[in-house]
Amino acid sequence: MAKVLLEDDIALNRAIKKITELDGHTTKSYFDGQDVYDSLSDRYDLYILDINVPNINGLELLKLIYEKNSSSKVIIISANSDIYSLTEAYKLGCIDYLKKPFHLEELRIKIAKQRVNTEDILKNISLKDDISLTKKEKVFLTLLLTNSDKIVTYKMIEDGVYGEGNTMSMDSLRALVRRLRPKLKDILIENVLEEGYKVIS
């Protein structure tokens, strides 16, 4: 997935660029809104935009991006939490919003959601005795499978399965894993002590 990152905080810009590229994305990063505007003739799948940046802010760019390419997706990040900015961002078409400070894992999950179709991921999974999966089991298994080369941390599971702002208890997570494991034919879900889970297939 080709992405554009606009963030004028140098350290955060570098951190986001590094983690997205480690996940296999091609990311062009900018510190100034004018530079992003000048690149709009190029097509990108996803834009990650800070609101408060020099020259052209993230909300103005959001509108301009959709005028140029309505199929692009935009995630807004900002330290500004006022309801106007949030409402305006969604009104203009952003697909998600992250308030600073945030954990980089949160952004990784939001990016992963945009390129993953749960049904496509799960369509080739063999289940025992044609048992069906619940919605939460599907989301959890998709999260594991799309991160099959790494440990899926408890934080990633809490945000990706239980939803941002909801608290995940370890008992509820263990119960989810206990229900899911017997349904899978060729996939093992392994607990990584004090870190999270990973799949072995």
N, C-alpha and C. Protein backbone atom coordinates (compact mmCIF):
# COMPACT_ATOMS: atom_id res chain seq x y z
N MET A 1 0.85 -1.19 0.00
CA MET A 1 0.00 0.00 0.00
C MET A 1 0.88 1.24 0.00
N ALA A 2 0.66 2.16 -0.95
CA ALA A 2 1.44 3.39 -1.04
C ALA A 2 0.77 4.46 -0.20
N LYS A 3 1.54 5.12 0.63
CA LYS A 3 0.96 6.07 1.58
C LYS A 3 1.73 7.38 1.59
N VAL A 4 1.00 8.43 2.02
CA VAL A 4 1.60 9.74 2.27
C VAL A 4 1.42 10.05 3.75
N LEU A 5 2.48 10.51 4.37
CA LEU A 5 2.44 10.91 5.77
C LEU A 5 2.75 12.40 5.86
N LEU A 6 1.87 13.13 6.55
CA LEU A 6 2.11 14.56 6.80
C LEU A 6 2.14 14.76 8.31
N GLU A 7 3.31 15.05 8.83
CA GLU A 7 3.48 15.27 10.27
C GLU A 7 4.69 16.17 10.47
N ASP A 8 4.48 17.34 11.11
CA ASP A 8 5.59 18.28 11.22
C ASP A 8 6.47 18.06 12.45
N ASP A 9 6.09 17.14 13.33
CA ASP A 9 6.96 16.75 14.43
C ASP A 9 7.98 15.76 13.87
N ILE A 10 9.24 16.16 13.85
CA ILE A 10 10.27 15.36 13.17
C ILE A 10 10.39 13.95 13.75
N ALA A 11 10.42 13.85 15.07
CA ALA A 11 10.59 12.54 15.70
C ALA A 11 9.41 11.62 15.41
N LEU A 12 8.19 12.16 15.51
CA LEU A 12 7.00 11.35 15.25
C LEU A 12 6.92 10.97 13.77
N ASN A 13 7.26 11.89 12.91
CA ASN A 13 7.27 11.62 11.47
C ASN A 13 8.19 10.44 11.17
N ARG A 14 9.39 10.48 11.72
CA ARG A 14 10.36 9.40 11.46
C ARG A 14 9.88 8.08 12.04
N ALA A 15 9.28 8.13 13.23
CA ALA A 15 8.81 6.90 13.88
C ALA A 15 7.69 6.24 13.07
N ILE A 16 6.73 7.06 12.61
CA ILE A 16 5.61 6.52 11.83
C ILE A 16 6.11 5.97 10.49
N LYS A 17 6.98 6.72 9.83
CA LYS A 17 7.52 6.26 8.55
C LYS A 17 8.26 4.93 8.72
N LYS A 18 9.04 4.82 9.78
CA LYS A 18 9.82 3.60 10.00
C LYS A 18 8.92 2.40 10.23
N ILE A 19 7.91 2.56 11.09
CA ILE A 19 7.07 1.41 11.43
C ILE A 19 6.19 1.00 10.25
N THR A 20 5.75 1.96 9.45
CA THR A 20 4.94 1.59 8.28
C THR A 20 5.78 0.88 7.23
N GLU A 21 7.01 1.30 7.07
CA GLU A 21 7.88 0.65 6.09
C GLU A 21 8.29 -0.74 6.56
N LEU A 22 8.44 -0.92 7.87
CA LEU A 22 8.71 -2.25 8.41
C LEU A 22 7.54 -3.19 8.14
N ASP A 23 6.34 -2.63 8.06
CA ASP A 23 5.14 -3.42 7.77
C ASP A 23 4.94 -3.63 6.27
N GLY A 24 5.89 -3.17 5.47
CA GLY A 24 5.84 -3.43 4.04
C GLY A 24 5.17 -2.38 3.19
N HIS A 25 4.88 -1.21 3.77
CA HIS A 25 4.25 -0.13 3.01
C HIS A 25 5.32 0.78 2.40
N THR A 26 4.98 1.41 1.30
CA THR A 26 5.81 2.46 0.71
C THR A 26 5.27 3.79 1.20
N THR A 27 6.08 4.54 1.95
CA THR A 27 5.58 5.76 2.59
C THR A 27 6.43 6.96 2.21
N LYS A 28 5.76 7.99 1.66
CA LYS A 28 6.42 9.28 1.40
C LYS A 28 6.01 10.22 2.53
N SER A 29 7.00 10.77 3.20
CA SER A 29 6.67 11.62 4.35
C SER A 29 6.98 13.08 4.07
N TYR A 30 6.12 13.95 4.62
CA TYR A 30 6.26 15.40 4.45
C TYR A 30 6.06 16.08 5.80
N PHE A 31 6.60 17.29 5.90
CA PHE A 31 6.47 18.10 7.11
C PHE A 31 5.60 19.34 6.86
N ASP A 32 5.30 19.62 5.61
CA ASP A 32 4.61 20.85 5.21
C ASP A 32 3.42 20.50 4.31
N GLY A 33 2.25 21.08 4.62
CA GLY A 33 1.06 20.79 3.84
C GLY A 33 1.17 21.17 2.37
N GLN A 34 1.92 22.21 2.07
CA GLN A 34 2.09 22.64 0.68
C GLN A 34 2.75 21.54 -0.14
N ASP A 35 3.71 20.86 0.46
CA ASP A 35 4.41 19.78 -0.26
C ASP A 35 3.47 18.63 -0.60
N VAL A 36 2.55 18.33 0.31
CA VAL A 36 1.57 17.29 0.03
C VAL A 36 0.65 17.74 -1.11
N TYR A 37 0.22 18.97 -1.03
CA TYR A 37 -0.64 19.52 -2.09
C TYR A 37 0.05 19.43 -3.45
N ASP A 38 1.34 19.73 -3.49
CA ASP A 38 2.09 19.69 -4.75
C ASP A 38 2.22 18.27 -5.29
N SER A 39 2.00 17.26 -4.43
CA SER A 39 2.15 15.86 -4.87
C SER A 39 0.81 15.20 -5.21
N LEU A 40 -0.29 15.96 -5.19
CA LEU A 40 -1.61 15.36 -5.36
C LEU A 40 -1.86 14.80 -6.75
N SER A 41 -1.00 15.13 -7.70
CA SER A 41 -1.15 14.55 -9.03
C SER A 41 -0.78 13.07 -9.02
N ASP A 42 0.02 12.65 -8.04
CA ASP A 42 0.35 11.24 -7.87
C ASP A 42 -0.78 10.56 -7.09
N ARG A 43 -0.99 9.26 -7.32
CA ARG A 43 -2.08 8.53 -6.67
C ARG A 43 -1.54 7.70 -5.51
N TYR A 44 -2.16 7.86 -4.37
CA TYR A 44 -1.79 7.09 -3.18
C TYR A 44 -3.04 6.46 -2.59
N ASP A 45 -2.86 5.30 -1.96
CA ASP A 45 -3.99 4.59 -1.37
C ASP A 45 -4.46 5.23 -0.07
N LEU A 46 -3.49 5.70 0.72
CA LEU A 46 -3.82 6.16 2.06
C LEU A 46 -2.98 7.38 2.43
N TYR A 47 -3.64 8.37 3.03
CA TYR A 47 -2.97 9.56 3.55
C TYR A 47 -3.13 9.58 5.07
N ILE A 48 -2.03 9.88 5.75
CA ILE A 48 -2.07 10.07 7.20
C ILE A 48 -1.70 11.53 7.44
N LEU A 49 -2.66 12.31 7.90
CA LEU A 49 -2.48 13.76 7.94
C LEU A 49 -2.62 14.32 9.35
N ASP A 50 -1.61 15.08 9.78
CA ASP A 50 -1.76 15.89 10.98
C ASP A 50 -2.55 17.14 10.59
N ILE A 51 -3.35 17.65 11.52
CA ILE A 51 -4.14 18.85 11.21
C ILE A 51 -3.30 20.10 11.23
N ASN A 52 -2.56 20.30 12.31
CA ASN A 52 -1.83 21.56 12.51
C ASN A 52 -0.42 21.48 11.95
N VAL A 53 -0.30 21.82 10.68
CA VAL A 53 0.99 21.79 9.99
C VAL A 53 1.15 23.10 9.22
N PRO A 54 2.37 23.44 8.80
CA PRO A 54 2.60 24.70 8.07
C PRO A 54 1.86 24.77 6.74
N ASN A 55 1.43 25.98 6.39
CA ASN A 55 0.90 26.38 5.09
C ASN A 55 -0.50 25.86 4.76
N ILE A 56 -0.67 24.58 4.55
CA ILE A 56 -2.01 24.04 4.28
C ILE A 56 -2.30 22.98 5.33
N ASN A 57 -3.33 23.19 6.14
CA ASN A 57 -3.55 22.25 7.24
C ASN A 57 -4.21 20.96 6.76
N GLY A 58 -4.26 20.00 7.67
CA GLY A 58 -4.74 18.67 7.31
C GLY A 58 -6.19 18.63 6.86
N LEU A 59 -7.05 19.46 7.47
CA LEU A 59 -8.46 19.48 7.08
C LEU A 59 -8.64 20.03 5.67
N GLU A 60 -7.88 21.08 5.34
CA GLU A 60 -7.95 21.63 3.99
C GLU A 60 -7.45 20.61 2.96
N LEU A 61 -6.38 19.91 3.32
CA LEU A 61 -5.83 18.89 2.43
C LEU A 61 -6.80 17.73 2.24
N LEU A 62 -7.50 17.36 3.33
CA LEU A 62 -8.48 16.28 3.26
C LEU A 62 -9.50 16.55 2.16
N LYS A 63 -10.00 17.76 2.14
CA LYS A 63 -10.98 18.15 1.11
C LYS A 63 -10.37 18.11 -0.28
N LEU A 64 -9.16 18.63 -0.41
CA LEU A 64 -8.49 18.68 -1.71
C LEU A 64 -8.16 17.29 -2.23
N ILE A 65 -7.78 16.39 -1.33
CA ILE A 65 -7.46 15.01 -1.72
C ILE A 65 -8.66 14.33 -2.34
N TYR A 66 -9.83 14.47 -1.71
CA TYR A 66 -11.02 13.80 -2.22
C TYR A 66 -11.53 14.44 -3.51
N GLU A 67 -11.21 15.70 -3.71
CA GLU A 67 -11.56 16.33 -4.99
C GLU A 67 -10.71 15.76 -6.12
N LYS A 68 -9.48 15.40 -5.81
CA LYS A 68 -8.56 14.85 -6.81
C LYS A 68 -8.78 13.35 -7.02
N ASN A 69 -8.98 12.62 -5.91
CA ASN A 69 -9.08 11.17 -5.99
C ASN A 69 -10.02 10.66 -4.90
N SER A 70 -11.26 10.43 -5.28
CA SER A 70 -12.28 10.07 -4.30
C SER A 70 -12.08 8.68 -3.71
N SER A 71 -11.22 7.86 -4.32
CA SER A 71 -11.00 6.51 -3.80
C SER A 71 -9.90 6.45 -2.75
N SER A 72 -9.17 7.55 -2.56
CA SER A 72 -8.13 7.57 -1.52
C SER A 72 -8.78 7.53 -0.14
N LYS A 73 -8.02 7.08 0.84
CA LYS A 73 -8.50 7.03 2.22
C LYS A 73 -7.60 7.92 3.07
N VAL A 74 -8.19 8.56 4.07
CA VAL A 74 -7.43 9.50 4.90
C VAL A 74 -7.66 9.21 6.37
N ILE A 75 -6.55 9.10 7.11
CA ILE A 75 -6.58 9.02 8.56
C ILE A 75 -6.04 10.35 9.10
N ILE A 76 -6.81 10.98 9.97
CA ILE A 76 -6.39 12.25 10.56
C ILE A 76 -5.77 12.00 11.94
N ILE A 77 -4.62 12.65 12.21
CA ILE A 77 -4.02 12.60 13.54
C ILE A 77 -3.86 14.04 14.03
N SER A 78 -4.14 14.25 15.30
CA SER A 78 -4.04 15.62 15.80
C SER A 78 -4.04 15.65 17.32
N ALA A 79 -3.34 16.63 17.87
CA ALA A 79 -3.39 16.89 19.30
C ALA A 79 -4.62 17.70 19.65
N ASN A 80 -5.25 18.25 18.62
CA ASN A 80 -6.45 19.08 18.80
C ASN A 80 -7.66 18.17 18.94
N SER A 81 -8.30 18.18 20.10
CA SER A 81 -9.41 17.26 20.35
C SER A 81 -10.76 17.95 20.36
N ASP A 82 -10.84 19.21 19.86
CA ASP A 82 -12.12 19.88 19.90
C ASP A 82 -13.11 19.23 18.95
N ILE A 83 -14.37 19.26 19.33
CA ILE A 83 -15.42 18.54 18.61
C ILE A 83 -15.58 19.06 17.19
N TYR A 84 -15.28 20.34 16.95
CA TYR A 84 -15.41 20.89 15.60
C TYR A 84 -14.45 20.19 14.64
N SER A 85 -13.18 20.06 15.06
CA SER A 85 -12.19 19.42 14.18
C SER A 85 -12.56 17.98 13.89
N LEU A 86 -13.00 17.26 14.92
CA LEU A 86 -13.39 15.87 14.75
C LEU A 86 -14.59 15.75 13.80
N THR A 87 -15.62 16.58 14.06
CA THR A 87 -16.82 16.55 13.22
C THR A 87 -16.50 16.92 11.78
N GLU A 88 -15.68 17.95 11.62
CA GLU A 88 -15.32 18.41 10.28
C GLU A 88 -14.53 17.34 9.53
N ALA A 89 -13.61 16.68 10.23
CA ALA A 89 -12.80 15.64 9.59
C ALA A 89 -13.67 14.52 9.04
N TYR A 90 -14.61 14.06 9.84
CA TYR A 90 -15.49 12.98 9.38
C TYR A 90 -16.46 13.48 8.30
N LYS A 91 -16.90 14.72 8.42
CA LYS A 91 -17.80 15.29 7.42
C LYS A 91 -17.10 15.37 6.06
N LEU A 92 -15.81 15.66 6.09
CA LEU A 92 -15.04 15.78 4.85
C LEU A 92 -14.65 14.41 4.28
N GLY A 93 -14.82 13.35 5.09
CA GLY A 93 -14.61 12.01 4.54
C GLY A 93 -13.47 11.19 5.12
N CYS A 94 -12.86 11.64 6.22
CA CYS A 94 -11.78 10.83 6.78
C CYS A 94 -12.36 9.50 7.28
N ILE A 95 -11.56 8.45 7.21
CA ILE A 95 -12.05 7.13 7.61
C ILE A 95 -11.74 6.83 9.07
N ASP A 96 -10.80 7.59 9.66
CA ASP A 96 -10.47 7.37 11.06
C ASP A 96 -9.75 8.58 11.62
N TYR A 97 -9.67 8.64 12.95
CA TYR A 97 -9.12 9.81 13.63
C TYR A 97 -8.34 9.34 14.86
N LEU A 98 -7.12 9.82 15.00
CA LEU A 98 -6.30 9.47 16.16
C LEU A 98 -5.88 10.73 16.89
N LYS A 99 -6.13 10.74 18.19
CA LYS A 99 -5.75 11.88 19.01
C LYS A 99 -4.36 11.65 19.62
N LYS A 100 -3.49 12.63 19.48
CA LYS A 100 -2.17 12.56 20.10
C LYS A 100 -2.30 12.79 21.61
N PRO A 101 -1.43 12.18 22.40
CA PRO A 101 -0.44 11.17 22.00
C PRO A 101 -1.11 9.81 21.81
N PHE A 102 -0.60 9.03 20.89
CA PHE A 102 -1.15 7.70 20.66
C PHE A 102 -0.01 6.70 20.54
N HIS A 103 -0.33 5.44 20.78
CA HIS A 103 0.65 4.38 20.65
C HIS A 103 0.75 4.02 19.17
N LEU A 104 1.95 3.79 18.68
CA LEU A 104 2.12 3.46 17.27
C LEU A 104 1.36 2.21 16.86
N GLU A 105 1.15 1.29 17.82
CA GLU A 105 0.38 0.09 17.52
C GLU A 105 -1.06 0.45 17.12
N GLU A 106 -1.60 1.52 17.72
CA GLU A 106 -2.95 1.95 17.36
C GLU A 106 -3.02 2.33 15.89
N LEU A 107 -2.01 3.06 15.44
CA LEU A 107 -1.98 3.47 14.03
C LEU A 107 -1.80 2.27 13.13
N ARG A 108 -0.96 1.32 13.53
CA ARG A 108 -0.75 0.11 12.72
C ARG A 108 -2.06 -0.65 12.53
N ILE A 109 -2.85 -0.74 13.59
CA ILE A 109 -4.13 -1.44 13.51
C ILE A 109 -5.07 -0.72 12.55
N LYS A 110 -5.12 0.60 12.64
CA LYS A 110 -6.02 1.36 11.78
C LYS A 110 -5.61 1.26 10.31
N ILE A 111 -4.31 1.22 10.07
CA ILE A 111 -3.83 1.05 8.69
C ILE A 111 -4.17 -0.35 8.19
N ALA A 112 -3.94 -1.34 9.04
CA ALA A 112 -4.21 -2.73 8.64
C ALA A 112 -5.67 -2.94 8.31
N LYS A 113 -6.55 -2.26 9.02
CA LYS A 113 -7.99 -2.40 8.77
C LYS A 113 -8.35 -1.98 7.35
N GLN A 114 -7.58 -1.04 6.79
CA GLN A 114 -7.93 -0.50 5.47
C GLN A 114 -7.53 -1.42 4.34
N ARG A 115 -6.64 -2.35 4.58
CA ARG A 115 -6.23 -3.23 3.49
C ARG A 115 -6.68 -4.67 3.69
N VAL A 116 -7.40 -4.91 4.76
CA VAL A 116 -7.81 -6.27 5.06
C VAL A 116 -9.31 -6.43 4.89
N ASN A 117 -9.72 -7.37 4.10
CA ASN A 117 -11.12 -7.76 4.02
C ASN A 117 -11.25 -9.06 4.80
N THR A 118 -11.96 -9.00 5.91
CA THR A 118 -12.03 -10.14 6.81
C THR A 118 -12.49 -11.41 6.10
N GLU A 119 -13.52 -11.29 5.29
CA GLU A 119 -14.05 -12.48 4.62
C GLU A 119 -13.03 -13.08 3.65
N ASP A 120 -12.27 -12.22 2.96
CA ASP A 120 -11.24 -12.73 2.04
C ASP A 120 -10.15 -13.47 2.80
N ILE A 121 -9.77 -12.93 3.96
CA ILE A 121 -8.73 -13.56 4.77
C ILE A 121 -9.18 -14.92 5.27
N LEU A 122 -10.44 -15.03 5.65
CA LEU A 122 -10.93 -16.24 6.32
C LEU A 122 -11.54 -17.28 5.38
N LYS A 123 -11.72 -16.95 4.11
CA LYS A 123 -12.47 -17.85 3.23
C LYS A 123 -11.78 -19.20 3.02
N ASN A 124 -10.45 -19.24 3.18
CA ASN A 124 -9.73 -20.51 2.98
C ASN A 124 -9.38 -21.20 4.29
N ILE A 125 -9.92 -20.71 5.40
CA ILE A 125 -9.66 -21.31 6.70
C ILE A 125 -10.58 -22.51 6.91
N SER A 126 -10.01 -23.65 7.27
CA SER A 126 -10.80 -24.85 7.50
C SER A 126 -11.26 -24.92 8.96
N LEU A 127 -12.55 -25.10 9.13
CA LEU A 127 -13.12 -25.22 10.47
C LEU A 127 -13.59 -26.66 10.69
N LYS A 128 -13.56 -27.09 11.93
CA LYS A 128 -13.99 -28.45 12.27
C LYS A 128 -15.51 -28.54 12.22
N ASP A 129 -15.99 -29.56 11.52
CA ASP A 129 -17.42 -29.86 11.49
C ASP A 129 -18.27 -28.68 11.01
N ASP A 130 -17.68 -27.85 10.14
CA ASP A 130 -18.42 -26.70 9.58
C ASP A 130 -19.00 -25.78 10.65
N ILE A 131 -18.30 -25.65 11.75
CA ILE A 131 -18.73 -24.75 12.82
C ILE A 131 -18.51 -23.32 12.35
N SER A 132 -19.42 -22.43 12.68
CA SER A 132 -19.27 -21.03 12.29
C SER A 132 -18.54 -20.25 13.38
N LEU A 133 -17.98 -19.12 12.98
CA LEU A 133 -17.28 -18.24 13.91
C LEU A 133 -18.15 -17.05 14.27
N THR A 134 -18.05 -16.59 15.49
CA THR A 134 -18.74 -15.37 15.88
C THR A 134 -18.00 -14.18 15.29
N LYS A 135 -18.64 -13.02 15.31
CA LYS A 135 -18.03 -11.81 14.78
C LYS A 135 -16.70 -11.51 15.47
N LYS A 136 -16.69 -11.61 16.79
CA LYS A 136 -15.47 -11.30 17.54
C LYS A 136 -14.37 -12.32 17.24
N GLU A 137 -14.75 -13.58 17.07
CA GLU A 137 -13.77 -14.62 16.73
C GLU A 137 -13.16 -14.34 15.35
N LYS A 138 -14.00 -13.89 14.41
CA LYS A 138 -13.51 -13.56 13.07
C LYS A 138 -12.51 -12.40 13.12
N VAL A 139 -12.85 -11.36 13.87
CA VAL A 139 -11.96 -10.20 13.96
C VAL A 139 -10.64 -10.58 14.61
N PHE A 140 -10.71 -11.36 15.68
CA PHE A 140 -9.49 -11.79 16.39
C PHE A 140 -8.63 -12.66 15.49
N LEU A 141 -9.24 -13.63 14.81
CA LEU A 141 -8.47 -14.52 13.93
C LEU A 141 -7.87 -13.75 12.77
N THR A 142 -8.61 -12.80 12.21
CA THR A 142 -8.07 -11.96 11.13
C THR A 142 -6.86 -11.17 11.62
N LEU A 143 -6.94 -10.62 12.82
CA LEU A 143 -5.82 -9.87 13.39
C LEU A 143 -4.59 -10.76 13.53
N LEU A 144 -4.80 -12.00 13.98
CA LEU A 144 -3.68 -12.94 14.12
C LEU A 144 -3.08 -13.30 12.76
N LEU A 145 -3.95 -13.58 11.79
CA LEU A 145 -3.47 -14.02 10.48
C LEU A 145 -2.77 -12.92 9.70
N THR A 146 -3.21 -11.67 9.87
CA THR A 146 -2.56 -10.58 9.16
C THR A 146 -1.28 -10.13 9.84
N ASN A 147 -1.01 -10.70 11.00
CA ASN A 147 0.26 -10.44 11.70
C ASN A 147 0.95 -11.75 12.02
N SER A 148 0.86 -12.70 11.08
CA SER A 148 1.33 -14.06 11.34
C SER A 148 2.84 -14.16 11.55
N ASP A 149 3.56 -13.13 11.14
CA ASP A 149 5.01 -13.15 11.31
C ASP A 149 5.46 -12.46 12.59
N LYS A 150 4.50 -12.08 13.43
CA LYS A 150 4.87 -11.37 14.66
C LYS A 150 3.89 -11.68 15.78
N ILE A 151 4.26 -11.28 16.98
CA ILE A 151 3.38 -11.44 18.12
C ILE A 151 2.31 -10.36 18.08
N VAL A 152 1.05 -10.76 18.24
CA VAL A 152 -0.04 -9.80 18.35
C VAL A 152 -0.18 -9.46 19.83
N THR A 153 0.17 -8.24 20.17
CA THR A 153 0.23 -7.85 21.57
C THR A 153 -1.17 -7.68 22.18
N TYR A 154 -1.22 -7.70 23.51
CA TYR A 154 -2.49 -7.48 24.20
C TYR A 154 -3.09 -6.13 23.82
N LYS A 155 -2.24 -5.13 23.64
CA LYS A 155 -2.72 -3.80 23.26
C LYS A 155 -3.37 -3.84 21.88
N MET A 156 -2.75 -4.53 20.93
CA MET A 156 -3.30 -4.66 19.59
C MET A 156 -4.66 -5.37 19.63
N ILE A 157 -4.76 -6.38 20.48
CA ILE A 157 -6.02 -7.13 20.59
C ILE A 157 -7.10 -6.26 21.22
N GLU A 158 -6.74 -5.53 22.26
CA GLU A 158 -7.73 -4.68 22.93
C GLU A 158 -8.30 -3.64 21.96
N ASP A 159 -7.42 -2.99 21.18
CA ASP A 159 -7.87 -1.96 20.25
C ASP A 159 -8.56 -2.56 19.02
N GLY A 160 -8.00 -3.65 18.50
CA GLY A 160 -8.50 -4.20 17.25
C GLY A 160 -9.72 -5.09 17.38
N VAL A 161 -9.89 -5.75 18.53
CA VAL A 161 -10.99 -6.69 18.71
C VAL A 161 -12.09 -6.12 19.59
N TYR A 162 -11.68 -5.50 20.68
CA TYR A 162 -12.67 -5.00 21.64
C TYR A 162 -13.07 -3.55 21.36
N GLY A 163 -12.24 -2.87 20.57
CA GLY A 163 -12.60 -1.51 20.17
C GLY A 163 -11.95 -0.46 21.03
N GLU A 164 -11.54 0.64 20.37
CA GLU A 164 -10.89 1.74 21.05
C GLU A 164 -11.81 2.30 22.14
N GLY A 165 -11.27 2.46 23.34
CA GLY A 165 -12.04 3.01 24.44
C GLY A 165 -12.68 1.96 25.31
N ASN A 166 -12.70 0.69 24.84
CA ASN A 166 -13.25 -0.40 25.64
C ASN A 166 -12.13 -1.14 26.36
N THR A 167 -12.42 -1.59 27.56
CA THR A 167 -11.42 -2.30 28.35
C THR A 167 -11.55 -3.80 28.12
N MET A 168 -10.43 -4.45 27.87
CA MET A 168 -10.40 -5.90 27.68
C MET A 168 -9.88 -6.55 28.95
N SER A 169 -10.64 -7.47 29.50
CA SER A 169 -10.13 -8.23 30.65
C SER A 169 -9.40 -9.46 30.13
N MET A 170 -8.40 -9.90 30.87
CA MET A 170 -7.66 -11.09 30.45
C MET A 170 -8.56 -12.31 30.49
N ASP A 171 -9.52 -12.34 31.40
CA ASP A 171 -10.44 -13.48 31.47
C ASP A 171 -11.28 -13.57 30.20
N SER A 172 -11.76 -12.42 29.72
CA SER A 172 -12.59 -12.44 28.51
C SER A 172 -11.75 -12.85 27.29
N LEU A 173 -10.49 -12.42 27.25
CA LEU A 173 -9.62 -12.79 26.13
C LEU A 173 -9.32 -14.28 26.17
N ARG A 174 -8.99 -14.80 27.34
CA ARG A 174 -8.72 -16.24 27.45
C ARG A 174 -9.94 -17.07 27.06
N ALA A 175 -11.12 -16.59 27.45
CA ALA A 175 -12.36 -17.30 27.08
C ALA A 175 -12.55 -17.29 25.57
N LEU A 176 -12.24 -16.16 24.93
CA LEU A 176 -12.34 -16.05 23.48
C LEU A 176 -11.41 -17.06 22.81
N VAL A 177 -10.17 -17.15 23.29
CA VAL A 177 -9.20 -18.08 22.72
C VAL A 177 -9.63 -19.53 22.94
N ARG A 178 -10.16 -19.82 24.13
CA ARG A 178 -10.62 -21.19 24.44
C ARG A 178 -11.76 -21.61 23.51
N ARG A 179 -12.64 -20.68 23.18
CA ARG A 179 -13.75 -21.00 22.29
C ARG A 179 -13.28 -21.19 20.85
N LEU A 180 -12.28 -20.39 20.45
CA LEU A 180 -11.83 -20.39 19.06
C LEU A 180 -10.94 -21.58 18.73
N ARG A 181 -10.03 -21.94 19.61
CA ARG A 181 -9.05 -22.99 19.32
C ARG A 181 -9.67 -24.29 18.82
N PRO A 182 -10.70 -24.83 19.47
CA PRO A 182 -11.25 -26.12 19.02
C PRO A 182 -11.93 -26.06 17.66
N LYS A 183 -12.23 -24.88 17.17
CA LYS A 183 -12.93 -24.74 15.90
C LYS A 183 -11.98 -24.80 14.70
N LEU A 184 -10.67 -24.63 14.94
CA LEU A 184 -9.71 -24.51 13.85
C LEU A 184 -9.04 -25.83 13.55
N LYS A 185 -8.94 -26.17 12.26
CA LYS A 185 -8.32 -27.43 11.86
C LYS A 185 -6.80 -27.34 11.75
N ASP A 186 -6.33 -26.37 10.99
CA ASP A 186 -4.91 -26.34 10.61
C ASP A 186 -4.13 -25.19 11.24
N ILE A 187 -4.73 -24.52 12.19
CA ILE A 187 -4.09 -23.34 12.79
C ILE A 187 -4.03 -23.51 14.31
N LEU A 188 -2.88 -23.25 14.87
CA LEU A 188 -2.72 -23.27 16.31
C LEU A 188 -2.54 -21.84 16.81
N ILE A 189 -3.22 -21.51 17.88
CA ILE A 189 -3.05 -20.20 18.51
C ILE A 189 -2.20 -20.39 19.75
N GLU A 190 -1.04 -19.76 19.73
CA GLU A 190 -0.07 -19.94 20.81
C GLU A 190 0.01 -18.70 21.68
N ASN A 191 -0.03 -18.90 22.99
CA ASN A 191 0.13 -17.80 23.94
C ASN A 191 1.61 -17.48 24.12
N VAL A 192 1.95 -16.22 24.00
CA VAL A 192 3.32 -15.76 24.27
C VAL A 192 3.28 -15.06 25.62
N LEU A 193 3.88 -15.68 26.62
CA LEU A 193 3.74 -15.26 28.01
C LEU A 193 3.99 -13.77 28.20
N GLU A 194 3.01 -13.09 28.80
CA GLU A 194 3.06 -11.68 29.16
C GLU A 194 3.16 -10.73 27.96
N GLU A 195 2.97 -11.25 26.74
CA GLU A 195 3.06 -10.39 25.55
C GLU A 195 1.79 -10.41 24.71
N GLY A 196 1.28 -11.61 24.39
CA GLY A 196 0.12 -11.69 23.53
C GLY A 196 -0.04 -13.07 22.93
N TYR A 197 -0.44 -13.11 21.66
CA TYR A 197 -0.67 -14.39 20.97
C TYR A 197 -0.07 -14.35 19.58
N LYS A 198 0.17 -15.54 19.02
CA LYS A 198 0.60 -15.66 17.63
C LYS A 198 0.01 -16.92 17.06
N VAL A 199 -0.06 -17.01 15.74
CA VAL A 199 -0.61 -18.22 15.11
C VAL A 199 0.51 -19.04 14.52
N ILE A 200 0.31 -20.34 14.55
CA ILE A 200 1.22 -21.30 13.93
C ILE A 200 0.37 -22.16 13.00
N SER A 201 0.74 -22.16 11.71
CA SER A 201 -0.06 -22.95 10.77
C SER A 201 0.83 -23.92 10.01
